[in-house]
């Protein structure tokens, strides 16, 4: 064999070795490709499932909070627990898109299911069998709202790839719903906490019919002193007198010092209007006029929240006394409306004609109006007789940790401190005559 023949043989051997190595690597490469595809496929299922659970949890939270705040529909309604439960169920029906001319608030992934539901999404519904009203074990006059959010039947999410994991296991049927359908159950529970904010009054002429349902639910432009309200919330008398006067003497038992406050829009950097001058008084009285049912000419009060400082009107000023006729007409009309009203509660007694630190809002009181009068013993100042009522959740209110501008709210002060759970369906009893707001207890 010459050198040339030897070289050719060696070349063929080297090529054979290369082909052998390539042949050995190819199965491994194909295996890794299949594994990669399998992981990608499983990731699709897992991500769809996770995304759907997040949608359902958000849907349950928003629906439960909104429905729990729908216990009273009209400003003229007086509270009844059975009516409140019916109103909650009706609200959930509307949120599901099953009411008259309503659209479901939430859509979640579903199917596909043999042609019955191939749209990829459907409305999140809250049927009657998923709604419960457990009683507070420490307060028999209060109930929680427990809502179960579940996707089932044609609304269940069918997985594409997860069943293939079981395809090589002869003991299971990979096409079984046990492995292909996802029907997560989300439990959401809502209870009442002291309200930290009352939303702005809605104009009775608002074009949005849904918003107009909240017309009349706003903060009364009469702010109370917590120096007297705190004791009344613990042990209320049958009736309470709210006095709007400038007297410096301590009030009698069962009386609360108060002031007419300007809840109209301010100028410049001021959220609320001034405390002095003809416009300030006129605006404050127009805020009061807003609570006359059917009136469309009043100024709706702005939103009020804990930590805000209010402007108190001087009841002895010439600007105020000049409004006596206008004020008397409003008072005479309100006397025929013995409704529930929400009053801001301030840190201390009012300082007339100022925007004082004493006027910092701590929370909100709830009373049923019995009578209102222009008090002849105090010029044109007002005197209100009100009835303490059970603390209940009102529309257009919330229990939030942050203010409008994103900052944390000021620390809660008694009697408006946050209520604490003491076990399953067990929460400290409510104080009397306090505006309450829906708050999440749990969502899982």
Protein backbone atom coordinates (compact mmCIF):
# COMPACT_ATOMS: atom_id res chain seq x y z
CA UNK A 1 0.00 0.00 0.00
CA UNK A 2 1.47 3.32 -1.00
CA UNK A 3 1.21 6.47 0.97
CA UNK A 4 -1.67 7.78 -1.17
CA UNK A 5 -3.84 4.71 -0.55
CA UNK A 6 -3.15 4.87 3.16
CA UNK A 7 -4.24 8.50 3.32
CA UNK A 8 -7.53 7.76 1.54
CA UNK A 9 -8.34 4.98 3.99
CA UNK A 10 -7.63 7.23 6.94
CA UNK A 11 -9.88 9.94 5.50
CA UNK A 12 -12.78 7.55 5.09
CA UNK A 13 -12.36 6.40 8.69
CA UNK A 14 -12.40 9.98 10.01
CA UNK A 15 -15.58 10.78 8.07
CA UNK A 16 -17.24 7.66 9.44
CA UNK A 17 -16.37 8.70 13.01
CA UNK A 18 -17.87 12.17 12.41
CA UNK A 19 -21.05 10.67 11.05
CA UNK A 20 -21.26 8.34 14.03
CA UNK A 21 -20.93 11.24 16.46
CA UNK A 22 -23.57 13.22 14.63
CA UNK A 23 -25.88 10.20 14.71
CA UNK A 24 -25.39 9.90 18.48
CA UNK A 25 -26.15 13.60 19.11
CA UNK A 26 -29.25 13.74 16.91
CA UNK A 27 -31.54 11.70 19.25
CA UNK A 28 -30.47 13.85 22.19
CA UNK A 29 -31.17 17.03 20.24
CA UNK A 30 -34.58 15.76 19.20
CA UNK A 31 -35.34 14.79 22.80
CA UNK A 32 -34.38 18.26 24.03
CA UNK A 33 -36.58 19.82 21.35
CA UNK A 34 -39.55 17.73 22.44
CA UNK A 35 -38.87 18.52 26.10
CA UNK A 36 -38.71 22.23 25.27
CA UNK A 37 -41.99 22.04 23.38
CA UNK A 38 -43.58 20.13 26.25
CA UNK A 39 -42.45 22.72 28.81
CA UNK A 40 -43.66 25.54 26.57
CA UNK A 41 -47.02 23.80 26.19
CA UNK A 42 -47.36 23.24 29.93
CA UNK A 43 -46.36 26.87 30.52
CA UNK A 44 -49.26 27.97 28.30
CA UNK A 45 -51.71 25.99 30.45
CA UNK A 46 -50.19 27.14 33.73
CA UNK A 47 -50.12 30.80 32.70
CA UNK A 48 -53.71 30.71 31.41
CA UNK A 49 -54.79 29.11 34.69
CA UNK A 50 -52.88 31.62 36.85
CA UNK A 51 -54.17 34.55 34.81
CA UNK A 52 -57.74 33.30 35.16
CA UNK A 53 -57.45 32.91 38.93
CA UNK A 54 -56.22 36.50 39.21
CA UNK A 55 -59.16 37.73 37.12
CA UNK A 56 -61.62 35.80 39.27
CA UNK A 57 -60.08 37.05 42.49
CA UNK A 58 -60.28 40.67 41.28
CA UNK A 59 -63.85 40.11 40.07
CA UNK A 60 -64.86 38.66 43.43
CA UNK A 61 -63.31 41.51 45.41
CA UNK A 62 -64.83 44.32 43.37
CA UNK A 63 -68.24 42.63 43.15
CA UNK A 64 -68.41 41.89 46.88
CA UNK A 65 -67.36 45.41 47.88
CA UNK A 66 -69.79 47.07 45.47
CA UNK A 67 -72.69 44.80 46.41
CA UNK A 68 -72.12 45.18 50.16
CA UNK A 69 -72.31 48.95 49.65
CA UNK A 70 -75.73 48.58 47.98
CA UNK A 71 -77.69 47.76 51.13
CA UNK A 72 -79.63 51.03 50.84
CA UNK A 73 -80.79 52.21 47.42
CA UNK A 74 -82.54 55.50 48.16
CA UNK A 75 -81.79 58.29 50.60
CA UNK A 76 -85.34 57.84 51.90
CA UNK A 77 -84.78 54.15 52.76
CA UNK A 78 -84.53 53.23 56.43
CA UNK A 79 -82.41 50.19 57.16
CA UNK A 80 -83.87 46.69 57.27
CA UNK A 81 -81.52 43.69 57.26
CA UNK A 82 -83.71 41.48 55.04
CA UNK A 83 -84.14 44.27 52.50
CA UNK A 84 -80.40 44.91 52.65
CA UNK A 85 -79.65 41.26 51.81
CA UNK A 86 -82.09 41.36 48.90
CA UNK A 87 -80.44 44.54 47.63
CA UNK A 88 -77.01 42.88 47.81
CA UNK A 89 -78.26 39.86 45.84
CA UNK A 90 -79.86 42.17 43.26
CA UNK A 91 -76.62 44.14 42.92
CA UNK A 92 -74.64 40.94 42.32
CA UNK A 93 -77.18 39.94 39.69
CA UNK A 94 -76.61 43.24 37.88
CA UNK A 95 -72.83 42.94 38.20
CA UNK A 96 -73.18 39.50 36.56
CA UNK A 97 -74.89 41.17 33.60
CA UNK A 98 -78.19 39.43 34.31
CA UNK A 99 -80.22 42.50 35.21
CA UNK A 100 -82.28 44.69 32.89
CA UNK A 101 -80.08 46.43 30.32
CA UNK A 102 -76.90 45.62 32.23
CA UNK A 103 -73.51 44.41 31.02
CA UNK A 104 -71.35 42.08 33.09
CA UNK A 105 -68.52 43.87 34.87
CA UNK A 106 -66.00 41.06 34.39
CA UNK A 107 -65.03 38.57 31.71
CA UNK A 108 -62.79 35.56 32.42
CA UNK A 109 -61.23 32.85 30.25
CA UNK A 110 -63.29 29.75 29.57
CA UNK A 111 -63.53 26.68 27.32
CA UNK A 112 -63.24 25.88 24.52
CA UNK A 113 -65.98 23.31 25.08
CA UNK A 114 -67.09 21.26 22.06
CA UNK A 115 -68.53 24.21 20.21
CA UNK A 116 -70.75 25.33 23.11
CA UNK A 117 -68.40 28.04 24.26
CA UNK A 118 -65.54 28.81 21.90
CA UNK A 119 -65.35 32.56 22.40
CA UNK A 120 -62.42 32.21 24.80
CA UNK A 121 -64.11 34.25 27.55
CA UNK A 122 -67.47 34.64 29.26
CA UNK A 123 -69.08 36.76 31.96
CA UNK A 124 -68.18 36.12 35.61
CA UNK A 125 -71.49 35.40 37.32
CA UNK A 126 -72.49 35.43 40.98
CA UNK A 127 -75.45 33.11 41.41
CA UNK A 128 -77.63 32.98 44.52
CA UNK A 129 -76.17 29.65 45.67
CA UNK A 130 -72.72 31.28 45.91
CA UNK A 131 -73.86 34.05 48.29
CA UNK A 132 -73.88 33.69 52.08
CA UNK A 133 -74.63 36.11 54.92
CA UNK A 134 -72.91 34.77 58.07
CA UNK A 135 -73.82 36.57 61.30
CA UNK A 136 -71.17 38.36 63.31
CA UNK A 137 -70.78 36.22 66.43
CA UNK A 138 -70.18 39.32 68.58
CA UNK A 139 -72.90 41.49 67.06
CA UNK A 140 -76.19 39.79 66.16
CA UNK A 141 -77.35 42.91 64.30
CA UNK A 142 -74.57 42.62 61.74
CA UNK A 143 -73.91 40.19 58.90
CA UNK A 144 -70.88 39.63 56.69
CA UNK A 145 -71.02 38.91 52.96
CA UNK A 146 -69.29 35.75 51.77
CA UNK A 147 -69.03 35.28 48.04
CA UNK A 148 -67.80 32.17 46.24
CA UNK A 149 -66.50 32.76 42.72
CA UNK A 150 -66.36 29.59 40.65
CA UNK A 151 -66.07 28.73 36.96
CA UNK A 152 -67.98 25.57 36.13
CA UNK A 153 -69.80 23.88 33.26
CA UNK A 154 -69.27 25.64 29.94
CA UNK A 155 -67.56 28.49 31.79
CA UNK A 156 -64.78 26.24 33.09
CA UNK A 157 -61.33 26.65 31.57
CA UNK A 158 -60.28 23.65 29.50
CA UNK A 159 -56.56 22.97 29.43
CA UNK A 160 -54.91 22.21 26.10
CA UNK A 161 -51.72 20.41 27.04
CA UNK A 162 -51.84 19.29 30.67
CA UNK A 163 -53.87 16.14 29.85
CA UNK A 164 -50.97 14.93 27.66
CA UNK A 165 -48.92 14.49 30.81
CA UNK A 166 -51.23 11.61 31.68
CA UNK A 167 -51.44 10.20 28.17
CA UNK A 168 -48.89 7.47 28.86
CA UNK A 169 -50.51 6.38 32.11
CA UNK A 170 -52.93 3.58 31.33
CA UNK A 171 -54.73 4.00 34.67
CA UNK A 172 -56.17 7.41 33.80
CA UNK A 173 -58.14 8.88 30.95
CA UNK A 174 -56.34 12.05 29.79
CA UNK A 175 -59.57 13.28 28.19
CA UNK A 176 -61.39 13.15 31.51
CA UNK A 177 -62.68 16.46 32.89
CA UNK A 178 -60.72 15.64 36.03
CA UNK A 179 -57.52 16.48 34.14
CA UNK A 180 -58.72 18.89 31.46
CA UNK A 181 -61.15 21.27 33.20
CA UNK A 182 -60.19 23.90 35.74
CA UNK A 183 -62.91 25.09 38.14
CA UNK A 184 -61.12 27.21 40.77
CA UNK A 185 -63.09 28.43 43.79
CA UNK A 186 -62.29 31.89 45.13
CA UNK A 187 -63.67 32.81 48.56
CA UNK A 188 -64.18 36.52 49.24
CA UNK A 189 -65.55 37.89 52.49
CA UNK A 190 -66.48 41.50 53.24
CA UNK A 191 -67.35 43.17 56.54
CA UNK A 192 -67.97 46.75 57.71
CA UNK A 193 -65.32 49.19 58.93
CA UNK A 194 -65.64 52.87 59.92
CA UNK A 195 -65.79 54.94 56.73
CA UNK A 196 -62.71 57.02 55.95
CA UNK A 197 -64.18 58.81 52.94
CA UNK A 198 -67.58 59.94 51.65
CA UNK A 199 -67.63 60.52 47.92
CA UNK A 200 -68.68 63.74 46.25
CA UNK A 201 -72.37 64.44 45.83
CA UNK A 202 -73.70 63.41 42.43
CA UNK A 203 -75.80 65.91 40.51
CA UNK A 204 -79.40 64.86 40.02
CA UNK A 205 -78.98 66.00 36.40
CA UNK A 206 -75.98 63.76 35.71
CA UNK A 207 -76.31 62.04 32.34
CA UNK A 208 -74.89 58.79 33.75
CA UNK A 209 -77.89 56.94 35.18
CA UNK A 210 -75.68 54.60 37.21
CA UNK A 211 -73.94 57.53 38.88
CA UNK A 212 -77.26 59.27 39.46
CA UNK A 213 -78.32 56.41 41.74
CA UNK A 214 -75.92 57.91 44.31
CA UNK A 215 -77.58 61.34 44.22
CA UNK A 216 -78.23 62.52 47.76
CA UNK A 217 -75.59 60.29 49.36
CA UNK A 218 -72.95 62.82 50.41
CA UNK A 219 -71.52 64.42 53.53
CA UNK A 220 -73.96 66.78 55.24
CA UNK A 221 -72.40 70.27 55.46
CA UNK A 222 -72.84 70.21 59.24
CA UNK A 223 -69.74 69.02 61.11
CA UNK A 224 -69.97 67.66 64.66
CA UNK A 225 -67.48 67.84 67.51
CA UNK A 226 -65.97 64.51 68.56
CA UNK A 227 -65.60 65.88 72.09
CA UNK A 228 -69.30 65.07 72.51
CA UNK A 229 -69.95 62.49 69.77
CA UNK A 230 -67.40 59.98 71.13
CA UNK A 231 -69.41 59.55 74.35
CA UNK A 232 -72.73 59.36 72.50
CA UNK A 233 -71.36 56.59 70.25
CA UNK A 234 -70.72 54.50 73.37
CA UNK A 235 -74.03 55.11 75.17
CA UNK A 236 -76.50 57.11 73.09
CA UNK A 237 -79.62 58.77 74.50
CA UNK A 238 -82.94 58.29 72.71
CA UNK A 239 -82.51 61.63 70.93
CA UNK A 240 -79.53 63.91 70.36
CA UNK A 241 -79.53 67.67 69.84
CA UNK A 242 -77.02 69.17 67.42
CA UNK A 243 -76.42 72.86 68.22
CA UNK A 244 -75.02 75.33 65.72
CA UNK A 245 -74.11 78.29 67.87
CA UNK A 246 -71.00 80.23 68.84
CA UNK A 247 -71.41 79.87 72.60
CA UNK A 248 -68.18 78.95 74.37
CA UNK A 249 -69.94 77.19 77.27
CA UNK A 250 -69.90 73.35 77.39
CA UNK A 251 -72.97 71.74 75.87
CA UNK A 252 -75.63 70.03 77.97
CA UNK A 253 -75.81 66.23 78.16
CA UNK A 254 -77.07 64.73 74.91
CA UNK A 255 -76.03 67.81 72.93
CA UNK A 256 -73.28 68.08 70.30
CA UNK A 257 -71.61 71.28 69.20
CA UNK A 258 -71.50 71.69 65.43
CA UNK A 259 -70.94 74.16 62.63
CA UNK A 260 -72.18 74.72 59.11
CA UNK A 261 -69.14 73.99 56.90
CA UNK A 262 -68.37 74.99 53.34
CA UNK A 263 -68.00 71.82 51.25
CA UNK A 264 -68.02 73.63 47.93
CA UNK A 265 -65.01 73.84 45.61
CA UNK A 266 -62.30 76.23 46.73
CA UNK A 267 -60.03 78.50 44.73
CA UNK A 268 -56.36 78.08 43.97
CA UNK A 269 -54.85 75.31 46.11
CA UNK A 270 -57.81 75.21 48.50
CA UNK A 271 -59.88 72.04 48.16
CA UNK A 272 -62.85 73.56 50.02
CA UNK A 273 -64.20 77.10 49.90
CA UNK A 274 -63.65 79.82 52.49
CA UNK A 275 -65.31 80.24 55.88
CA UNK A 276 -66.01 83.97 55.65
CA UNK A 277 -67.90 86.27 53.30
CA UNK A 278 -71.19 86.22 51.44
CA UNK A 279 -70.05 83.62 48.89
CA UNK A 280 -68.79 81.24 51.60
CA UNK A 281 -72.14 81.34 53.41
CA UNK A 282 -74.14 81.11 50.19
CA UNK A 283 -72.11 78.08 49.04
CA UNK A 284 -72.50 76.30 52.39
CA UNK A 285 -76.26 76.83 52.37
CA UNK A 286 -76.38 75.58 48.76
CA UNK A 287 -74.58 72.44 49.99
CA UNK A 288 -77.36 72.02 52.56
CA UNK A 289 -79.98 72.54 49.87
CA UNK A 290 -78.51 69.55 47.98
CA UNK A 291 -80.25 67.22 50.44
CA UNK A 292 -83.71 68.37 49.40
CA UNK A 293 -84.92 65.44 47.38
CA UNK A 294 -85.66 66.47 43.80
CA UNK A 295 -83.82 69.80 43.95
CA UNK A 296 -81.53 70.26 40.94
CA UNK A 297 -80.20 73.76 41.64
CA UNK A 298 -78.05 73.08 44.72
CA UNK A 299 -74.26 72.68 44.88
CA UNK A 300 -73.33 69.02 45.55
CA UNK A 301 -70.83 68.76 48.43
CA UNK A 302 -67.31 67.70 47.51
CA UNK A 303 -65.80 64.45 48.79
CA UNK A 304 -64.77 64.50 52.45
CA UNK A 305 -62.20 62.18 54.00
CA UNK A 306 -60.38 61.62 57.23
CA UNK A 307 -57.57 64.10 57.77
CA UNK A 308 -59.14 66.98 55.83
CA UNK A 309 -59.61 70.31 57.62
CA UNK A 310 -62.97 72.04 57.17
CA UNK A 311 -63.96 75.70 57.07
CA UNK A 312 -66.58 76.57 59.73
CA UNK A 313 -69.08 79.36 59.08
CA UNK A 314 -69.53 82.09 61.72
CA UNK A 315 -73.24 81.86 62.61
CA UNK A 316 -73.27 85.38 64.01
CA UNK A 317 -71.76 87.08 60.96
CA UNK A 318 -73.78 89.50 58.85
CA UNK A 319 -73.26 87.24 55.82
CA UNK A 320 -74.98 84.40 57.69
CA UNK A 321 -77.85 86.38 59.25
CA UNK A 322 -78.71 87.86 55.85
CA UNK A 323 -79.55 84.32 54.65
CA UNK A 324 -82.25 83.74 57.28
CA UNK A 325 -85.19 83.62 54.84
CA UNK A 326 -83.35 81.27 52.46
CA UNK A 327 -82.23 79.06 55.34
CA UNK A 328 -85.73 78.89 56.83
CA UNK A 329 -87.21 77.69 53.52
CA UNK A 330 -84.61 74.92 53.27
CA UNK A 331 -85.16 73.88 56.89
CA UNK A 332 -88.93 73.68 56.42
CA UNK A 333 -88.47 71.32 53.47
CA UNK A 334 -85.88 69.11 55.20
CA UNK A 335 -88.25 68.69 58.15
CA UNK A 336 -90.46 66.57 55.89
CA UNK A 337 -87.50 64.30 55.03
CA UNK A 338 -86.72 62.25 58.12
CA UNK A 339 -83.91 60.41 56.33
CA UNK A 340 -80.51 59.08 57.38
CA UNK A 341 -77.78 61.70 57.00
CA UNK A 342 -73.99 61.41 57.19
CA UNK A 343 -72.24 64.09 59.26
CA UNK A 344 -68.46 64.73 59.30
CA UNK A 345 -67.03 64.50 62.82
CA UNK A 346 -64.25 66.97 63.72
CA UNK A 347 -61.49 66.66 66.29
CA UNK A 348 -62.79 69.44 68.55
CA UNK A 349 -65.38 72.14 69.00
CA UNK A 350 -65.81 74.45 66.00
CA UNK A 351 -63.95 77.76 65.85
CA UNK A 352 -66.36 80.04 63.95
CA UNK A 353 -65.16 81.75 60.80
CA UNK A 354 -61.91 79.78 60.52
CA UNK A 355 -60.22 76.82 58.93
CA UNK A 356 -58.80 75.55 62.22
CA UNK A 357 -56.83 72.43 63.10
CA UNK A 358 -59.74 71.70 65.47
CA UNK A 359 -61.77 71.01 62.32
CA UNK A 360 -59.73 67.99 61.20
CA UNK A 361 -62.11 65.20 60.11
CA UNK A 362 -61.84 62.03 62.21
CA UNK A 363 -64.77 60.06 60.78
CA UNK A 364 -68.47 60.22 60.04
CA UNK A 365 -71.62 59.97 62.19
CA UNK A 366 -74.97 58.61 61.03
CA UNK A 367 -78.24 60.00 62.42
CA UNK A 368 -81.87 60.01 61.40
CA UNK A 369 -83.23 63.54 61.25
CA UNK A 370 -86.24 64.20 63.49
CA UNK A 371 -86.53 67.97 63.21
CA UNK A 372 -84.53 71.02 62.25
CA UNK A 373 -85.20 74.62 63.26
CA UNK A 374 -83.77 78.09 62.95
CA UNK A 375 -83.08 78.56 66.64
CA UNK A 376 -84.66 81.81 67.90
CA UNK A 377 -82.40 81.82 70.95
CA UNK A 378 -79.30 81.98 68.76
CA UNK A 379 -80.25 84.38 66.02
CA UNK A 380 -80.26 82.44 62.74
CA UNK A 381 -78.23 79.48 63.97
CA UNK A 382 -79.60 75.96 63.51
CA UNK A 383 -80.70 73.33 66.01
CA UNK A 384 -81.24 69.73 64.89
CA UNK A 385 -82.93 66.92 66.77
CA UNK A 386 -81.66 63.56 65.54
CA UNK A 387 -82.12 59.92 66.45
CA UNK A 388 -79.14 57.59 66.98
CA UNK A 389 -79.35 54.55 64.69
CA UNK A 390 -77.48 51.32 64.09
CA UNK A 391 -74.12 51.78 62.39
CA UNK A 392 -74.55 50.51 58.84
CA UNK A 393 -72.81 50.52 55.48
CA UNK A 394 -73.91 53.43 53.31
CA UNK A 395 -73.57 53.97 49.55
CA UNK A 396 -70.87 56.29 48.18
CA UNK A 397 -68.45 55.63 51.06
CA UNK A 398 -65.23 53.65 51.40
CA UNK A 399 -62.71 52.42 53.93
CA UNK A 400 -59.32 53.26 52.43
CA UNK A 401 -55.77 53.49 53.73
CA UNK A 402 -54.67 56.22 51.32
CA UNK A 403 -55.93 59.74 50.63
CA UNK A 404 -56.85 61.17 47.24
CA UNK A 405 -53.28 62.33 46.69
CA UNK A 406 -51.81 58.93 47.56
CA UNK A 407 -50.50 59.82 51.02
CA UNK A 408 -51.40 57.68 54.02
CA UNK A 409 -54.43 58.85 55.99
CA UNK A 410 -53.96 60.26 59.47
CA UNK A 411 -54.06 57.78 62.35
CA UNK A 412 -57.58 56.64 63.27
CA UNK A 413 -58.94 58.10 66.52
CA UNK A 414 -61.54 56.58 68.85
CA UNK A 415 -64.32 55.79 68.27
CA UNK A 416 -63.33 55.46 64.59
CA UNK A 417 -60.54 52.90 65.05
CA UNK A 418 -60.44 49.85 62.78
CA UNK A 419 -62.37 46.82 64.01
CA UNK A 420 -60.39 43.61 64.54
CA UNK A 421 -61.34 40.03 63.71
CA UNK A 422 -61.38 37.63 66.65
CA UNK A 423 -61.88 34.38 64.73
CA UNK A 424 -64.12 33.10 61.97
CA UNK A 425 -67.07 35.47 61.55
CA UNK A 426 -66.28 37.21 64.81
CA UNK A 427 -65.60 40.93 64.93
CA UNK A 428 -65.87 43.52 67.70
CA UNK A 429 -69.35 45.10 67.89
CA UNK A 430 -69.98 48.36 66.04
CA UNK A 431 -70.26 51.67 67.84
CA UNK A 432 -73.63 53.43 67.57
CA UNK A 433 -74.55 55.88 64.80
CA UNK A 434 -71.41 55.53 62.75
CA UNK A 435 -71.10 55.53 58.97
CA UNK A 436 -69.62 52.19 57.92
CA UNK A 437 -67.97 51.15 54.67
CA UNK A 438 -67.31 47.76 53.01
CA UNK A 439 -63.89 46.28 53.68
CA UNK A 440 -62.29 42.99 52.59
CA UNK A 441 -61.83 40.45 55.35
CA UNK A 442 -60.30 37.73 53.18
CA UNK A 443 -59.93 36.71 49.55
CA UNK A 444 -58.37 33.35 48.72
